Amino acid sequence: MNAKPEDRATSFFAQPGILAAVIGGAVVGLLCAILVVMFIVYRMRKKDEGSYALDEPKRSPAAASYGKGHNNREFYA
């Protein structure tokens, strides 16, 4: 009845219920890690979509089309 520590660890993982729980936990942990990485990538892409430079002065299209210029022709649609 003098069991070695290696024998006890081997018999611990040899039980089908314990082995299934360890494998299931590893699979669930891996899926959670993948979901977290996908969420981080999604947030980074979403943040980049609406970004624009704040340093550049914005010109409105109306001010550019009716400003001073040498081309004063009218266009009819």
C-alpha atoms as a PDB file:
ATOM      1  CA  MET A   1       0.000   0.000   0.000  1.00  0.00           C
ATOM      2  CA  ASN A   2       2.991   2.222  -0.473  1.00  0.00           C
ATOM      3  CA  ALA A   3       2.041   4.012  -3.726  1.00  0.00           C
ATOM      4  CA  LYS A   4       4.599   6.162  -5.474  1.00  0.00           C
ATOM      5  CA  PRO A   5       3.595   9.732  -6.500  1.00  0.00           C
ATOM      6  CA  GLU A   6       4.027   8.826 -10.183  1.00  0.00           C
ATOM      7  CA  ASP A   7       1.651   5.868  -9.846  1.00  0.00           C
ATOM      8  CA  ARG A   8      -0.941   8.030  -8.121  1.00  0.00           C
ATOM      9  CA  ALA A   9      -0.758  10.669 -10.893  1.00  0.00           C
ATOM     10  CA  THR A  10      -1.010   7.987 -13.579  1.00  0.00           C
ATOM     11  CA  SER A  11      -4.049   6.388 -11.933  1.00  0.00           C
ATOM     12  CA  PHE A  12      -5.590   9.848 -11.461  1.00  0.00           C
ATOM     13  CA  PHE A  13      -5.563  10.545 -15.232  1.00  0.00           C
ATOM     14  CA  ALA A  14      -6.398   6.926 -16.086  1.00  0.00           C
ATOM     15  CA  GLN A  15      -9.931   7.376 -14.784  1.00  0.00           C
ATOM     16  CA  PRO A  16     -12.206   8.127 -17.746  1.00  0.00           C
ATOM     17  CA  GLY A  17     -14.245  10.803 -15.965  1.00  0.00           C
ATOM     18  CA  ILE A  18     -11.195  12.790 -14.873  1.00  0.00           C
ATOM     19  CA  LEU A  19      -9.566  12.462 -18.291  1.00  0.00           C
ATOM     20  CA  ALA A  20     -12.762  13.645 -20.009  1.00  0.00           C
ATOM     21  CA  ALA A  21     -13.009  16.618 -17.644  1.00  0.00           C
ATOM     22  CA  VAL A  22      -9.400  17.642 -18.306  1.00  0.00           C
ATOM     23  CA  ILE A  23      -9.801  17.345 -22.093  1.00  0.00           C
ATOM     24  CA  GLY A  24     -13.159  19.153 -21.990  1.00  0.00           C
ATOM     25  CA  GLY A  25     -11.720  21.957 -19.891  1.00  0.00           C
ATOM     26  CA  ALA A  26      -8.800  22.340 -22.295  1.00  0.00           C
ATOM     27  CA  VAL A  27     -11.155  22.517 -25.288  1.00  0.00           C
ATOM     28  CA  VAL A  28     -13.430  25.064 -23.597  1.00  0.00           C
ATOM     29  CA  GLY A  29     -10.421  27.145 -22.546  1.00  0.00           C
ATOM     30  CA  LEU A  30      -9.062  27.099 -26.084  1.00  0.00           C
ATOM     31  CA  LEU A  31     -12.432  28.170 -27.502  1.00  0.00           C
ATOM     32  CA  CYS A  32     -12.651  31.021 -24.987  1.00  0.00           C
ATOM     33  CA  ALA A  33      -9.150  32.178 -25.893  1.00  0.00           C
ATOM     34  CA  ILE A  34     -10.050  32.142 -29.609  1.00  0.00           C
ATOM     35  CA  LEU A  35     -13.227  34.125 -28.934  1.00  0.00           C
ATOM     36  CA  VAL A  36     -11.322  36.742 -26.924  1.00  0.00           C
ATOM     37  CA  VAL A  37      -8.746  37.153 -29.717  1.00  0.00           C
ATOM     38  CA  MET A  38     -11.517  37.457 -32.336  1.00  0.00           C
ATOM     39  CA  PHE A  39     -13.304  40.078 -30.221  1.00  0.00           C
ATOM     40  CA  ILE A  40     -10.098  42.110 -29.838  1.00  0.00           C
ATOM     41  CA  VAL A  41      -9.484  41.993 -33.603  1.00  0.00           C
ATOM     42  CA  TYR A  42     -13.112  43.022 -34.249  1.00  0.00           C
ATOM     43  CA  ARG A  43     -12.831  46.008 -31.910  1.00  0.00           C
ATOM     44  CA  MET A  44      -9.538  47.115 -33.466  1.00  0.00           C
ATOM     45  CA  ARG A  45     -11.005  46.984 -36.982  1.00  0.00           C
ATOM     46  CA  LYS A  46     -14.155  48.794 -35.885  1.00  0.00           C
ATOM     47  CA  LYS A  47     -12.044  51.530 -34.273  1.00  0.00           C
ATOM     48  CA  ASP A  48     -10.036  52.018 -37.492  1.00  0.00           C
ATOM     49  CA  GLU A  49     -13.122  52.341 -39.738  1.00  0.00           C
ATOM     50  CA  GLY A  50     -14.341  55.709 -38.484  1.00  0.00           C
ATOM     51  CA  SER A  51     -11.024  57.337 -37.779  1.00  0.00           C
ATOM     52  CA  TYR A  52      -9.911  60.494 -39.527  1.00  0.00           C
ATOM     53  CA  ALA A  53      -7.152  63.019 -39.064  1.00  0.00           C
ATOM     54  CA  LEU A  54      -8.141  65.886 -36.791  1.00  0.00           C
ATOM     55  CA  ASP A  55      -5.203  68.096 -37.812  1.00  0.00           C
ATOM     56  CA  GLU A  56      -6.378  68.729 -41.372  1.00  0.00           C
ATOM     57  CA  PRO A  57      -8.839  71.606 -41.844  1.00  0.00           C
ATOM     58  CA  LYS A  58     -12.099  70.387 -43.297  1.00  0.00           C
ATOM     59  CA  ARG A  59     -13.398  72.039 -46.457  1.00  0.00           C
ATOM     60  CA  SER A  60     -17.090  71.812 -47.158  1.00  0.00           C
ATOM     61  CA  PRO A  61     -18.006  70.848 -50.731  1.00  0.00           C
ATOM     62  CA  ALA A  62     -20.344  73.845 -51.059  1.00  0.00           C
ATOM     63  CA  ALA A  63     -17.595  76.341 -50.216  1.00  0.00           C
ATOM     64  CA  ALA A  64     -15.214  74.754 -52.718  1.00  0.00           C
ATOM     65  CA  SER A  65     -17.704  74.753 -55.606  1.00  0.00           C
ATOM     66  CA  TYR A  66     -18.871  78.366 -55.167  1.00  0.00           C
ATOM     67  CA  GLY A  67     -15.529  79.924 -54.299  1.00  0.00           C
ATOM     68  CA  LYS A  68     -13.550  82.375 -56.412  1.00  0.00           C
ATOM     69  CA  GLY A  69     -12.210  80.826 -59.548  1.00  0.00           C
ATOM     70  CA  HIS A  70     -11.580  81.451 -63.198  1.00  0.00           C
ATOM     71  CA  ASN A  71     -14.140  78.864 -64.300  1.00  0.00           C
ATOM     72  CA  ASN A  72     -17.575  80.545 -63.967  1.00  0.00           C
ATOM     73  CA  ARG A  73     -19.571  78.302 -66.287  1.00  0.00           C
ATOM     74  CA  GLU A  74     -22.995  77.017 -65.226  1.00  0.00           C
ATOM     75  CA  PHE A  75     -23.938  73.397 -65.452  1.00  0.00           C
ATOM     76  CA  TYR A  76     -27.508  72.206 -65.875  1.00  0.00           C
ATOM     77  CA  ALA A  77     -28.629  68.781 -64.778  1.00  0.00           C
END
